[in-house]
Amino acid sequence: IVALLAVLAETFRRLVTTRPRSRVEAVVADGTMGLYLGWVCVA
């Protein structure tokens, strides 16, 4: 789970440093991985 957290943290970094190209991408890419990361922080 620590390895999973590290992978999700790097994913989050990449998403923050590059804007989504559409609102759909903002939800299905940024939103999805944000939910995933936040829950794994607690878990």
PDB file of all heavy atoms in Angstrom:
ATOM      1  N   ILE A   1       0.823  -1.211   0.000  1.00  0.00           N
ATOM      2  CA  ILE A   1       0.000   0.000   0.000  1.00  0.00           C
ATOM      3  C   ILE A   1       0.857   1.261   0.000  1.00  0.00           C
ATOM      4  O   ILE A   1       0.470   2.282  -0.576  1.00  0.00           O
ATOM      5  CB  ILE A   1      -1.007  -0.006   1.171  1.00  0.00           C
ATOM      6  CG1 ILE A   1      -2.169   0.944   0.845  1.00  0.00           C
ATOM      7  CG2 ILE A   1      -0.351   0.390   2.488  1.00  0.00           C
ATOM      8  CD1 ILE A   1      -3.350   0.828   1.779  1.00  0.00           C
ATOM      9  N   VAL A   2       2.037   1.207   0.603  1.00  0.00           N
ATOM     10  CA  VAL A   2       2.949   2.356   0.543  1.00  0.00           C
ATOM     11  C   VAL A   2       3.432   2.562  -0.898  1.00  0.00           C
ATOM     12  O   VAL A   2       3.542   3.704  -1.371  1.00  0.00           O
ATOM     13  CB  VAL A   2       4.137   2.170   1.507  1.00  0.00           C
ATOM     14  CG1 VAL A   2       5.221   3.210   1.246  1.00  0.00           C
ATOM     15  CG2 VAL A   2       3.661   2.271   2.955  1.00  0.00           C
ATOM     16  N   ALA A   3       3.713   1.463  -1.601  1.00  0.00           N
ATOM     17  CA  ALA A   3       4.094   1.569  -3.014  1.00  0.00           C
ATOM     18  C   ALA A   3       2.939   2.150  -3.828  1.00  0.00           C
ATOM     19  O   ALA A   3       3.149   2.993  -4.714  1.00  0.00           O
ATOM     20  CB  ALA A   3       4.485   0.192  -3.552  1.00  0.00           C
ATOM     21  N   LEU A   4       1.718   1.715  -3.520  1.00  0.00           N
ATOM     22  CA  LEU A   4       0.537   2.253  -4.206  1.00  0.00           C
ATOM     23  C   LEU A   4       0.415   3.750  -3.938  1.00  0.00           C
ATOM     24  O   LEU A   4       0.144   4.538  -4.861  1.00  0.00           O
ATOM     25  CB  LEU A   4      -0.716   1.510  -3.726  1.00  0.00           C
ATOM     26  CG  LEU A   4      -2.069   2.051  -4.212  1.00  0.00           C
ATOM     27  CD1 LEU A   4      -2.136   2.059  -5.734  1.00  0.00           C
ATOM     28  CD2 LEU A   4      -3.209   1.225  -3.614  1.00  0.00           C
ATOM     29  N   LEU A   5       0.612   4.162  -2.699  1.00  0.00           N
ATOM     30  CA  LEU A   5       0.548   5.583  -2.359  1.00  0.00           C
ATOM     31  C   LEU A   5       1.594   6.380  -3.141  1.00  0.00           C
ATOM     32  O   LEU A   5       1.310   7.478  -3.635  1.00  0.00           O
ATOM     33  CB  LEU A   5       0.773   5.752  -0.853  1.00  0.00           C
ATOM     34  CG  LEU A   5       0.712   7.174  -0.304  1.00  0.00           C
ATOM     35  CD1 LEU A   5      -0.649   7.800  -0.555  1.00  0.00           C
ATOM     36  CD2 LEU A   5       1.040   7.182   1.190  1.00  0.00           C
ATOM     37  N   ALA A   6       2.797   5.836  -3.278  1.00  0.00           N
ATOM     38  CA  ALA A   6       3.859   6.524  -4.023  1.00  0.00           C
ATOM     39  C   ALA A   6       3.485   6.686  -5.495  1.00  0.00           C
ATOM     40  O   ALA A   6       3.701   7.746  -6.096  1.00  0.00           O
ATOM     41  CB  ALA A   6       5.172   5.758  -3.885  1.00  0.00           C
ATOM     42  N   VAL A   7       2.919   5.636  -6.077  1.00  0.00           N
ATOM     43  CA  VAL A   7       2.497   5.696  -7.487  1.00  0.00           C
ATOM     44  C   VAL A   7       1.401   6.750  -7.667  1.00  0.00           C
ATOM     45  O   VAL A   7       1.428   7.553  -8.613  1.00  0.00           O
ATOM     46  CB  VAL A   7       2.002   4.313  -7.957  1.00  0.00           C
ATOM     47  CG1 VAL A   7       1.288   4.420  -9.303  1.00  0.00           C
ATOM     48  CG2 VAL A   7       3.180   3.345  -8.068  1.00  0.00           C
ATOM     49  N   LEU A   8       0.437   6.772  -6.761  1.00  0.00           N
ATOM     50  CA  LEU A   8      -0.660   7.730  -6.872  1.00  0.00           C
ATOM     51  C   LEU A   8      -0.168   9.157  -6.633  1.00  0.00           C
ATOM     52  O   LEU A   8      -0.665  10.099  -7.260  1.00  0.00           O
ATOM     53  CB  LEU A   8      -1.762   7.375  -5.881  1.00  0.00           C
ATOM     54  CG  LEU A   8      -2.500   6.064  -6.179  1.00  0.00           C
ATOM     55  CD1 LEU A   8      -3.493   5.747  -5.068  1.00  0.00           C
ATOM     56  CD2 LEU A   8      -3.211   6.129  -7.515  1.00  0.00           C
ATOM     57  N   ALA A   9       0.808   9.313  -5.746  1.00  0.00           N
ATOM     58  CA  ALA A   9       1.377  10.641  -5.519  1.00  0.00           C
ATOM     59  C   ALA A   9       2.075  11.167  -6.772  1.00  0.00           C
ATOM     60  O   ALA A   9       1.938  12.343  -7.125  1.00  0.00           O
ATOM     61  CB  ALA A   9       2.354  10.600  -4.344  1.00  0.00           C
ATOM     62  N   GLU A  10       2.807  10.306  -7.459  1.00  0.00           N
ATOM     63  CA  GLU A  10       3.459  10.716  -8.705  1.00  0.00           C
ATOM     64  C   GLU A  10       2.426  11.017  -9.787  1.00  0.00           C
ATOM     65  O   GLU A  10       2.585  11.975 -10.560  1.00  0.00           O
ATOM     66  CB  GLU A  10       4.422   9.622  -9.177  1.00  0.00           C
ATOM     67  CG  GLU A  10       5.017   9.853 -10.558  1.00  0.00           C
ATOM     68  CD  GLU A  10       5.816  11.148 -10.697  1.00  0.00           C
ATOM     69  OE1 GLU A  10       6.190  11.760  -9.666  1.00  0.00           O
ATOM     70  OE2 GLU A  10       6.078  11.550 -11.851  1.00  0.00           O
ATOM     71  N   THR A  11       1.366  10.242  -9.831  1.00  0.00           N
ATOM     72  CA  THR A  11       0.282  10.517 -10.783  1.00  0.00           C
ATOM     73  C   THR A  11      -0.317  11.886 -10.510  1.00  0.00           C
ATOM     74  O   THR A  11      -0.551  12.680 -11.429  1.00  0.00           O
ATOM     75  CB  THR A  11      -0.813   9.443 -10.676  1.00  0.00           C
ATOM     76  OG1 THR A  11      -0.231   8.155 -10.821  1.00  0.00           O
ATOM     77  CG2 THR A  11      -1.867   9.637 -11.757  1.00  0.00           C
ATOM     78  N   PHE A  12      -0.573  12.176  -9.244  1.00  0.00           N
ATOM     79  CA  PHE A  12      -1.123  13.469  -8.851  1.00  0.00           C
ATOM     80  C   PHE A  12      -0.188  14.604  -9.260  1.00  0.00           C
ATOM     81  O   PHE A  12      -0.632  15.638  -9.775  1.00  0.00           O
ATOM     82  CB  PHE A  12      -1.349  13.472  -7.334  1.00  0.00           C
ATOM     83  CG  PHE A  12      -2.023  14.704  -6.806  1.00  0.00           C
ATOM     84  CD1 PHE A  12      -3.376  14.919  -7.008  1.00  0.00           C
ATOM     85  CD2 PHE A  12      -1.308  15.649  -6.077  1.00  0.00           C
ATOM     86  CE1 PHE A  12      -4.007  16.051  -6.508  1.00  0.00           C
ATOM     87  CE2 PHE A  12      -1.929  16.782  -5.565  1.00  0.00           C
ATOM     88  CZ  PHE A  12      -3.284  16.976  -5.782  1.00  0.00           C
ATOM     89  N   ARG A  13       1.102  14.416  -9.053  1.00  0.00           N
ATOM     90  CA  ARG A  13       2.077  15.450  -9.432  1.00  0.00           C
ATOM     91  C   ARG A  13       1.993  15.759 -10.913  1.00  0.00           C
ATOM     92  O   ARG A  13       1.982  16.923 -11.325  1.00  0.00           O
ATOM     93  CB  ARG A  13       3.494  15.002  -9.078  1.00  0.00           C
ATOM     94  CG  ARG A  13       4.567  16.058  -9.339  1.00  0.00           C
ATOM     95  CD  ARG A  13       5.954  15.482  -9.291  1.00  0.00           C
ATOM     96  NE  ARG A  13       6.214  14.592 -10.411  1.00  0.00           N
ATOM     97  CZ  ARG A  13       6.511  15.012 -11.650  1.00  0.00           C
ATOM     98  NH1 ARG A  13       6.576  16.299 -11.924  1.00  0.00           N
ATOM     99  NH2 ARG A  13       6.746  14.135 -12.603  1.00  0.00           N
ATOM    100  N   ARG A  14       1.915  14.704 -11.724  1.00  0.00           N
ATOM    101  CA  ARG A  14       1.845  14.915 -13.173  1.00  0.00           C
ATOM    102  C   ARG A  14       0.553  15.607 -13.580  1.00  0.00           C
ATOM    103  O   ARG A  14       0.538  16.454 -14.487  1.00  0.00           O
ATOM    104  CB  ARG A  14       1.985  13.575 -13.906  1.00  0.00           C
ATOM    105  CG  ARG A  14       3.351  12.941 -13.727  1.00  0.00           C
ATOM    106  CD  ARG A  14       3.520  11.707 -14.599  1.00  0.00           C
ATOM    107  NE  ARG A  14       4.772  11.017 -14.273  1.00  0.00           N
ATOM    108  CZ  ARG A  14       5.249   9.988 -14.946  1.00  0.00           C
ATOM    109  NH1 ARG A  14       4.580   9.503 -15.994  1.00  0.00           N
ATOM    110  NH2 ARG A  14       6.386   9.414 -14.580  1.00  0.00           N
ATOM    111  N   LEU A  15      -0.537  15.263 -12.903  1.00  0.00           N
ATOM    112  CA  LEU A  15      -1.818  15.880 -13.238  1.00  0.00           C
ATOM    113  C   LEU A  15      -1.861  17.343 -12.821  1.00  0.00           C
ATOM    114  O   LEU A  15      -2.464  18.178 -13.507  1.00  0.00           O
ATOM    115  CB  LEU A  15      -2.958  15.111 -12.568  1.00  0.00           C
ATOM    116  CG  LEU A  15      -3.218  13.711 -13.142  1.00  0.00           C
ATOM    117  CD1 LEU A  15      -4.253  12.973 -12.294  1.00  0.00           C
ATOM    118  CD2 LEU A  15      -3.699  13.787 -14.593  1.00  0.00           C
ATOM    119  N   VAL A  16      -1.221  17.676 -11.711  1.00  0.00           N
ATOM    120  CA  VAL A  16      -1.206  19.060 -11.251  1.00  0.00           C
ATOM    121  C   VAL A  16      -0.346  19.933 -12.162  1.00  0.00           C
ATOM    122  O   VAL A  16      -0.671  21.095 -12.418  1.00  0.00           O
ATOM    123  CB  VAL A  16      -0.707  19.142  -9.793  1.00  0.00           C
ATOM    124  CG1 VAL A  16      -0.404  20.584  -9.387  1.00  0.00           C
ATOM    125  CG2 VAL A  16      -1.743  18.546  -8.845  1.00  0.00           C
ATOM    126  N   THR A  17       0.755  19.380 -12.672  1.00  0.00           N
ATOM    127  CA  THR A  17       1.681  20.180 -13.477  1.00  0.00           C
ATOM    128  C   THR A  17       1.278  20.269 -14.945  1.00  0.00           C
ATOM    129  O   THR A  17       1.949  20.952 -15.720  1.00  0.00           O
ATOM    130  CB  THR A  17       3.116  19.616 -13.385  1.00  0.00           C
ATOM    131  OG1 THR A  17       3.110  18.234 -13.751  1.00  0.00           O
ATOM    132  CG2 THR A  17       3.660  19.766 -11.979  1.00  0.00           C
ATOM    133  N   THR A  18       0.201  19.598 -15.338  1.00  0.00           N
ATOM    134  CA  THR A  18      -0.306  19.717 -16.713  1.00  0.00           C
ATOM    135  C   THR A  18      -1.821  19.820 -16.659  1.00  0.00           C
ATOM    136  O   THR A  18      -2.486  18.954 -16.104  1.00  0.00           O
ATOM    137  CB  THR A  18       0.075  18.498 -17.576  1.00  0.00           C
ATOM    138  OG1 THR A  18      -0.397  17.300 -16.939  1.00  0.00           O
ATOM    139  CG2 THR A  18       1.569  18.406 -17.777  1.00  0.00           C
ATOM    140  N   ARG A  19      -2.360  20.876 -17.221  1.00  0.00           N
ATOM    141  CA  ARG A  19      -3.808  21.082 -17.155  1.00  0.00           C
ATOM    142  C   ARG A  19      -4.550  20.070 -18.008  1.00  0.00           C
ATOM    143  O   ARG A  19      -4.081  19.662 -19.076  1.00  0.00           O
ATOM    144  CB  ARG A  19      -4.163  22.478 -17.652  1.00  0.00           C
ATOM    145  CG  ARG A  19      -3.992  23.543 -16.603  1.00  0.00           C
ATOM    146  CD  ARG A  19      -4.479  24.873 -17.120  1.00  0.00           C
ATOM    147  NE  ARG A  19      -3.933  25.944 -16.306  1.00  0.00           N
ATOM    148  CZ  ARG A  19      -3.801  27.184 -16.731  1.00  0.00           C
ATOM    149  NH1 ARG A  19      -4.160  27.504 -17.943  1.00  0.00           N
ATOM    150  NH2 ARG A  19      -3.304  28.095 -15.918  1.00  0.00           N
ATOM    151  N   PRO A  20      -5.743  19.674 -17.575  1.00  0.00           N
ATOM    152  CA  PRO A  20      -6.585  18.824 -18.426  1.00  0.00           C
ATOM    153  C   PRO A  20      -6.996  19.590 -19.675  1.00  0.00           C
ATOM    154  O   PRO A  20      -7.148  20.814 -19.652  1.00  0.00           O
ATOM    155  CB  PRO A  20      -7.794  18.518 -17.532  1.00  0.00           C
ATOM    156  CG  PRO A  20      -7.819  19.621 -16.523  1.00  0.00           C
ATOM    157  CD  PRO A  20      -6.398  19.994 -16.286  1.00  0.00           C
ATOM    158  N   ARG A  21      -7.177  18.854 -20.758  1.00  0.00           N
ATOM    159  CA  ARG A  21      -7.514  19.490 -22.034  1.00  0.00           C
ATOM    160  C   ARG A  21      -9.007  19.698 -22.213  1.00  0.00           C
ATOM    161  O   ARG A  21      -9.431  20.409 -23.126  1.00  0.00           O
ATOM    162  CB  ARG A  21      -6.981  18.619 -23.180  1.00  0.00           C
ATOM    163  CG  ARG A  21      -5.463  18.572 -23.271  1.00  0.00           C
ATOM    164  CD  ARG A  21      -4.989  17.309 -23.965  1.00  0.00           C
ATOM    165  NE  ARG A  21      -5.267  16.132 -23.139  1.00  0.00           N
ATOM    166  CZ  ARG A  21      -5.173  14.882 -23.584  1.00  0.00           C
ATOM    167  NH1 ARG A  21      -4.828  14.661 -24.841  1.00  0.00           N
ATOM    168  NH2 ARG A  21      -5.423  13.877 -22.773  1.00  0.00           N
ATOM    169  N   SER A  22      -9.807  19.104 -21.346  1.00  0.00           N
ATOM    170  CA  SER A  22     -11.256  19.251 -21.446  1.00  0.00           C
ATOM    171  C   SER A  22     -11.861  19.003 -20.074  1.00  0.00           C
ATOM    172  O   SER A  22     -11.210  18.468 -19.171  1.00  0.00           O
ATOM    173  CB  SER A  22     -11.838  18.246 -22.447  1.00  0.00           C
ATOM    174  OG  SER A  22     -11.706  16.919 -21.941  1.00  0.00           O
ATOM    175  N   ARG A  23     -13.121  19.389 -19.914  1.00  0.00           N
ATOM    176  CA  ARG A  23     -13.800  19.152 -18.644  1.00  0.00           C
ATOM    177  C   ARG A  23     -14.018  17.666 -18.406  1.00  0.00           C
ATOM    178  O   ARG A  23     -14.019  17.209 -17.257  1.00  0.00           O
ATOM    179  CB  ARG A  23     -15.128  19.914 -18.620  1.00  0.00           C
ATOM    180  CG  ARG A  23     -14.937  21.418 -18.702  1.00  0.00           C
ATOM    181  CD  ARG A  23     -16.211  22.191 -18.428  1.00  0.00           C
ATOM    182  NE  ARG A  23     -16.000  23.614 -18.665  1.00  0.00           N
ATOM    183  CZ  ARG A  23     -15.402  24.436 -17.813  1.00  0.00           C
ATOM    184  NH1 ARG A  23     -14.944  23.975 -16.672  1.00  0.00           N
ATOM    185  NH2 ARG A  23     -15.256  25.715 -18.101  1.00  0.00           N
ATOM    186  N   VAL A  24     -14.205  16.920 -19.474  1.00  0.00           N
ATOM    187  CA  VAL A  24     -14.352  15.471 -19.326  1.00  0.00           C
ATOM    188  C   VAL A  24     -13.067  14.875 -18.755  1.00  0.00           C
ATOM    189  O   VAL A  24     -13.091  14.069 -17.814  1.00  0.00           O
ATOM    190  CB  VAL A  24     -14.707  14.805 -20.664  1.00  0.00           C
ATOM    191  CG1 VAL A  24     -14.667  13.277 -20.538  1.00  0.00           C
ATOM    192  CG2 VAL A  24     -16.076  15.257 -21.138  1.00  0.00           C
ATOM    193  N   GLU A  25     -11.931  15.265 -19.290  1.00  0.00           N
ATOM    194  CA  GLU A  25     -10.654  14.774 -18.772  1.00  0.00           C
ATOM    195  C   GLU A  25     -10.450  15.213 -17.326  1.00  0.00           C
ATOM    196  O   GLU A  25      -9.930  14.446 -16.499  1.00  0.00           O
ATOM    197  CB  GLU A  25      -9.492  15.286 -19.624  1.00  0.00           C
ATOM    198  CG  GLU A  25      -8.136  14.773 -19.147  1.00  0.00           C
ATOM    199  CD  GLU A  25      -6.976  15.246 -20.005  1.00  0.00           C
ATOM    200  OE1 GLU A  25      -7.213  15.948 -21.020  1.00  0.00           O
ATOM    201  OE2 GLU A  25      -5.825  14.912 -19.674  1.00  0.00           O
ATOM    202  N   ALA A  26     -10.874  16.426 -16.996  1.00  0.00           N
ATOM    203  CA  ALA A  26     -10.728  16.918 -15.629  1.00  0.00           C
ATOM    204  C   ALA A  26     -11.458  16.013 -14.638  1.00  0.00           C
ATOM    205  O   ALA A  26     -11.003  15.805 -13.512  1.00  0.00           O
ATOM    206  CB  ALA A  26     -11.262  18.343 -15.526  1.00  0.00           C
ATOM    207  N   VAL A  27     -12.589  15.454 -15.063  1.00  0.00           N
ATOM    208  CA  VAL A  27     -13.365  14.575 -14.185  1.00  0.00           C
ATOM    209  C   VAL A  27     -12.810  13.156 -14.188  1.00  0.00           C
ATOM    210  O   VAL A  27     -12.513  12.585 -13.137  1.00  0.00           O
ATOM    211  CB  VAL A  27     -14.856  14.569 -14.597  1.00  0.00           C
ATOM    212  CG1 VAL A  27     -15.620  13.526 -13.791  1.00  0.00           C
ATOM    213  CG2 VAL A  27     -15.459  15.948 -14.389  1.00  0.00           C
ATOM    214  N   VAL A  28     -12.638  12.571 -15.397  1.00  0.00           N
ATOM    215  CA  VAL A  28     -12.304  11.134 -15.453  1.00  0.00           C
ATOM    216  C   VAL A  28     -10.836  10.848 -15.175  1.00  0.00           C
ATOM    217  O   VAL A  28     -10.490   9.734 -14.755  1.00  0.00           O
ATOM    218  CB  VAL A  28     -12.705  10.522 -16.813  1.00  0.00           C
ATOM    219  CG1 VAL A  28     -14.194  10.652 -17.053  1.00  0.00           C
ATOM    220  CG2 VAL A  28     -11.921  11.127 -17.970  1.00  0.00           C
ATOM    221  N   ALA A  29      -9.962  11.807 -15.378  1.00  0.00           N
ATOM    222  CA  ALA A  29      -8.539  11.598 -15.066  1.00  0.00           C
ATOM    223  C   ALA A  29      -8.196  12.238 -13.723  1.00  0.00           C
ATOM    224  O   ALA A  29      -7.870  11.554 -12.759  1.00  0.00           O
ATOM    225  CB  ALA A  29      -7.657  12.162 -16.179  1.00  0.00           C
ATOM    226  N   ASP A  30      -8.307  13.563 -13.637  1.00  0.00           N
ATOM    227  CA  ASP A  30      -7.943  14.272 -12.408  1.00  0.00           C
ATOM    228  C   ASP A  30      -8.843  13.877 -11.239  1.00  0.00           C
ATOM    229  O   ASP A  30      -8.367  13.614 -10.123  1.00  0.00           O
ATOM    230  CB  ASP A  30      -8.017  15.779 -12.638  1.00  0.00           C
ATOM    231  CG  ASP A  30      -7.069  16.252 -13.719  1.00  0.00           C
ATOM    232  OD1 ASP A  30      -7.284  15.877 -14.885  1.00  0.00           O
ATOM    233  OD2 ASP A  30      -6.122  16.986 -13.414  1.00  0.00           O
ATOM    234  N   GLY A  31     -10.145  13.851 -11.475  1.00  0.00           N
ATOM    235  CA  GLY A  31     -11.076  13.509 -10.407  1.00  0.00           C
ATOM    236  C   GLY A  31     -10.900  12.090  -9.915  1.00  0.00           C
ATOM    237  O   GLY A  31     -10.868  11.830  -8.707  1.00  0.00           O
ATOM    238  N   THR A  32     -10.766  11.159 -10.847  1.00  0.00           N
ATOM    239  CA  THR A  32     -10.607   9.751 -10.473  1.00  0.00           C
ATOM    240  C   THR A  32      -9.360   9.524  -9.647  1.00  0.00           C
ATOM    241  O   THR A  32      -9.402   8.913  -8.572  1.00  0.00           O
ATOM    242  CB  THR A  32     -10.548   8.873 -11.738  1.00  0.00           C
ATOM    243  OG1 THR A  32     -11.802   8.947 -12.410  1.00  0.00           O
ATOM    244  CG2 THR A  32     -10.235   7.421 -11.395  1.00  0.00           C
ATOM    245  N   MET A  33      -8.237  10.031 -10.117  1.00  0.00           N
ATOM    246  CA  MET A  33      -6.984   9.778  -9.416  1.00  0.00           C
ATOM    247  C   MET A  33      -6.903  10.563  -8.107  1.00  0.00           C
ATOM    248  O   MET A  33      -6.237  10.140  -7.158  1.00  0.00           O
ATOM    249  CB  MET A  33      -5.797  10.100 -10.324  1.00  0.00           C
ATOM    250  CG  MET A  33      -5.793   9.307 -11.638  1.00  0.00           C
ATOM    251  SD  MET A  33      -6.132   7.522 -11.445  1.00  0.00           S
ATOM    252  CE  MET A  33      -4.671   6.976 -10.570  1.00  0.00           C
ATOM    253  N   GLY A  34      -7.605  11.694  -8.034  1.00  0.00           N
ATOM    254  CA  GLY A  34      -7.665  12.428  -6.783  1.00  0.00           C
ATOM    255  C   GLY A  34      -8.424  11.653  -5.712  1.00  0.00           C
ATOM    256  O   GLY A  34      -7.975  11.552  -4.568  1.00  0.00           O
ATOM    257  N   LEU A  35      -9.575  11.098  -6.083  1.00  0.00           N
ATOM    258  CA  LEU A  35     -10.334  10.263  -5.143  1.00  0.00           C
ATOM    259  C   LEU A  35      -9.488   9.088  -4.659  1.00  0.00           C
ATOM    260  O   LEU A  35      -9.450   8.776  -3.462  1.00  0.00           O
ATOM    261  CB  LEU A  35     -11.596   9.730  -5.817  1.00  0.00           C
ATOM    262  CG  LEU A  35     -12.800  10.653  -5.931  1.00  0.00           C
ATOM    263  CD1 LEU A  35     -13.893   9.971  -6.735  1.00  0.00           C
ATOM    264  CD2 LEU A  35     -13.329  11.059  -4.559  1.00  0.00           C
ATOM    265  N   TYR A  36      -8.853   8.450  -5.592  1.00  0.00           N
ATOM    266  CA  TYR A  36      -8.021   7.273  -5.329  1.00  0.00           C
ATOM    267  C   TYR A  36      -6.900   7.626  -4.348  1.00  0.00           C
ATOM    268  O   TYR A  36      -6.686   6.950  -3.337  1.00  0.00           O
ATOM    269  CB  TYR A  36      -7.454   6.829  -6.673  1.00  0.00           C
ATOM    270  CG  TYR A  36      -6.976   5.407  -6.820  1.00  0.00           C
ATOM    271  CD1 TYR A  36      -6.513   4.974  -8.071  1.00  0.00           C
ATOM    272  CD2 TYR A  36      -6.972   4.494  -5.772  1.00  0.00           C
ATOM    273  CE1 TYR A  36      -6.066   3.678  -8.264  1.00  0.00           C
ATOM    274  CE2 TYR A  36      -6.515   3.196  -5.951  1.00  0.00           C
ATOM    275  CZ  TYR A  36      -6.061   2.795  -7.203  1.00  0.00           C
ATOM    276  OH  TYR A  36      -5.608   1.508  -7.397  1.00  0.00           O
ATOM    277  N   LEU A  37      -6.192   8.722  -4.625  1.00  0.00           N
ATOM    278  CA  LEU A  37      -5.080   9.139  -3.773  1.00  0.00           C
ATOM    279  C   LEU A  37      -5.553   9.494  -2.369  1.00  0.00           C
ATOM    280  O   LEU A  37      -4.956   9.066  -1.370  1.00  0.00           O
ATOM    281  CB  LEU A  37      -4.365  10.341  -4.396  1.00  0.00           C
ATOM    282  CG  LEU A  37      -3.307  11.032  -3.524  1.00  0.00           C
ATOM    283  CD1 LEU A  37      -2.174  10.072  -3.175  1.00  0.00           C
ATOM    284  CD2 LEU A  37      -2.775  12.281  -4.218  1.00  0.00           C
ATOM    285  N   GLY A  38      -6.606  10.287  -2.267  1.00  0.00           N
ATOM    286  CA  GLY A  38      -7.085  10.713  -0.969  1.00  0.00           C
ATOM    287  C   GLY A  38      -7.476   9.549  -0.080  1.00  0.00           C
ATOM    288  O   GLY A  38      -7.118   9.496   1.101  1.00  0.00           O
ATOM    289  N   TRP A  39      -8.190   8.585  -0.653  1.00  0.00           N
ATOM    290  CA  TRP A  39      -8.590   7.424   0.139  1.00  0.00           C
ATOM    291  C   TRP A  39      -7.381   6.591   0.559  1.00  0.00           C
ATOM    292  O   TRP A  39      -7.308   6.136   1.696  1.00  0.00           O
ATOM    293  CB  TRP A  39      -9.581   6.568  -0.634  1.00  0.00           C
ATOM    294  CG  TRP A  39      -9.885   5.297   0.095  1.00  0.00           C
ATOM    295  CD1 TRP A  39      -9.510   4.035  -0.248  1.00  0.00           C
ATOM    296  CD2 TRP A  39     -10.580   5.162   1.341  1.00  0.00           C
ATOM    297  NE1 TRP A  39      -9.931   3.120   0.688  1.00  0.00           N
ATOM    298  CE2 TRP A  39     -10.586   3.787   1.672  1.00  0.00           C
ATOM    299  CE3 TRP A  39     -11.185   6.068   2.206  1.00  0.00           C
ATOM    300  CZ2 TRP A  39     -11.186   3.311   2.845  1.00  0.00           C
ATOM    301  CZ3 TRP A  39     -11.788   5.591   3.357  1.00  0.00           C
ATOM    302  CH2 TRP A  39     -11.780   4.228   3.671  1.00  0.00           C
ATOM    303  N   VAL A  40      -6.423   6.410  -0.331  1.00  0.00           N
ATOM    304  CA  VAL A  40      -5.254   5.592   0.001  1.00  0.00           C
ATOM    305  C   VAL A  40      -4.407   6.276   1.075  1.00  0.00           C
ATOM    306  O   VAL A  40      -3.761   5.598   1.881  1.00  0.00           O
ATOM    307  CB  VAL A  40      -4.439   5.265  -1.266  1.00  0.00           C
ATOM    308  CG1 VAL A  40      -3.103   4.606  -0.921  1.00  0.00           C
ATOM    309  CG2 VAL A  40      -5.244   4.333  -2.169  1.00  0.00           C
ATOM    310  N   CYS A  41      -4.417   7.612   1.147  1.00  0.00           N
ATOM    311  CA  CYS A  41      -3.726   8.307   2.239  1.00  0.00           C
ATOM    312  C   CYS A  41      -4.275   7.846   3.585  1.00  0.00           C
ATOM    313  O   CYS A  41      -3.516   7.538   4.519  1.00  0.00           O
ATOM    314  CB  CYS A  41      -3.903   9.820   2.108  1.00  0.00           C
ATOM    315  SG  CYS A  41      -2.947  10.591   0.784  1.00  0.00           S
ATOM    316  N   VAL A  42      -5.598   7.803   3.703  1.00  0.00           N
ATOM    317  CA  VAL A  42      -6.235   7.378   4.948  1.00  0.00           C
ATOM    318  C   VAL A  42      -6.028   5.888   5.171  1.00  0.00           C
ATOM    319  O   VAL A  42      -5.691   5.431   6.275  1.00  0.00           O
ATOM    320  CB  VAL A  42      -7.733   7.715   4.925  1.00  0.00           C
ATOM    321  CG1 VAL A  42      -8.426   7.197   6.183  1.00  0.00           C
ATOM    322  CG2 VAL A  42      -7.950   9.220   4.789  1.00  0.00           C
ATOM    323  N   ALA A  43      -6.217   5.094   4.108  1.00  0.00           N
ATOM    324  CA  ALA A  43      -6.113   3.634   4.223  1.00  0.00           C
ATOM    325  C   ALA A  43      -4.709   3.189   4.611  1.00  0.00           C
ATOM    326  O   ALA A  43      -4.545   2.197   5.321  1.00  0.00           O
ATOM    327  CB  ALA A  43      -6.522   2.984   2.905  1.00  0.00           C
TER     328      ALA A  43
END
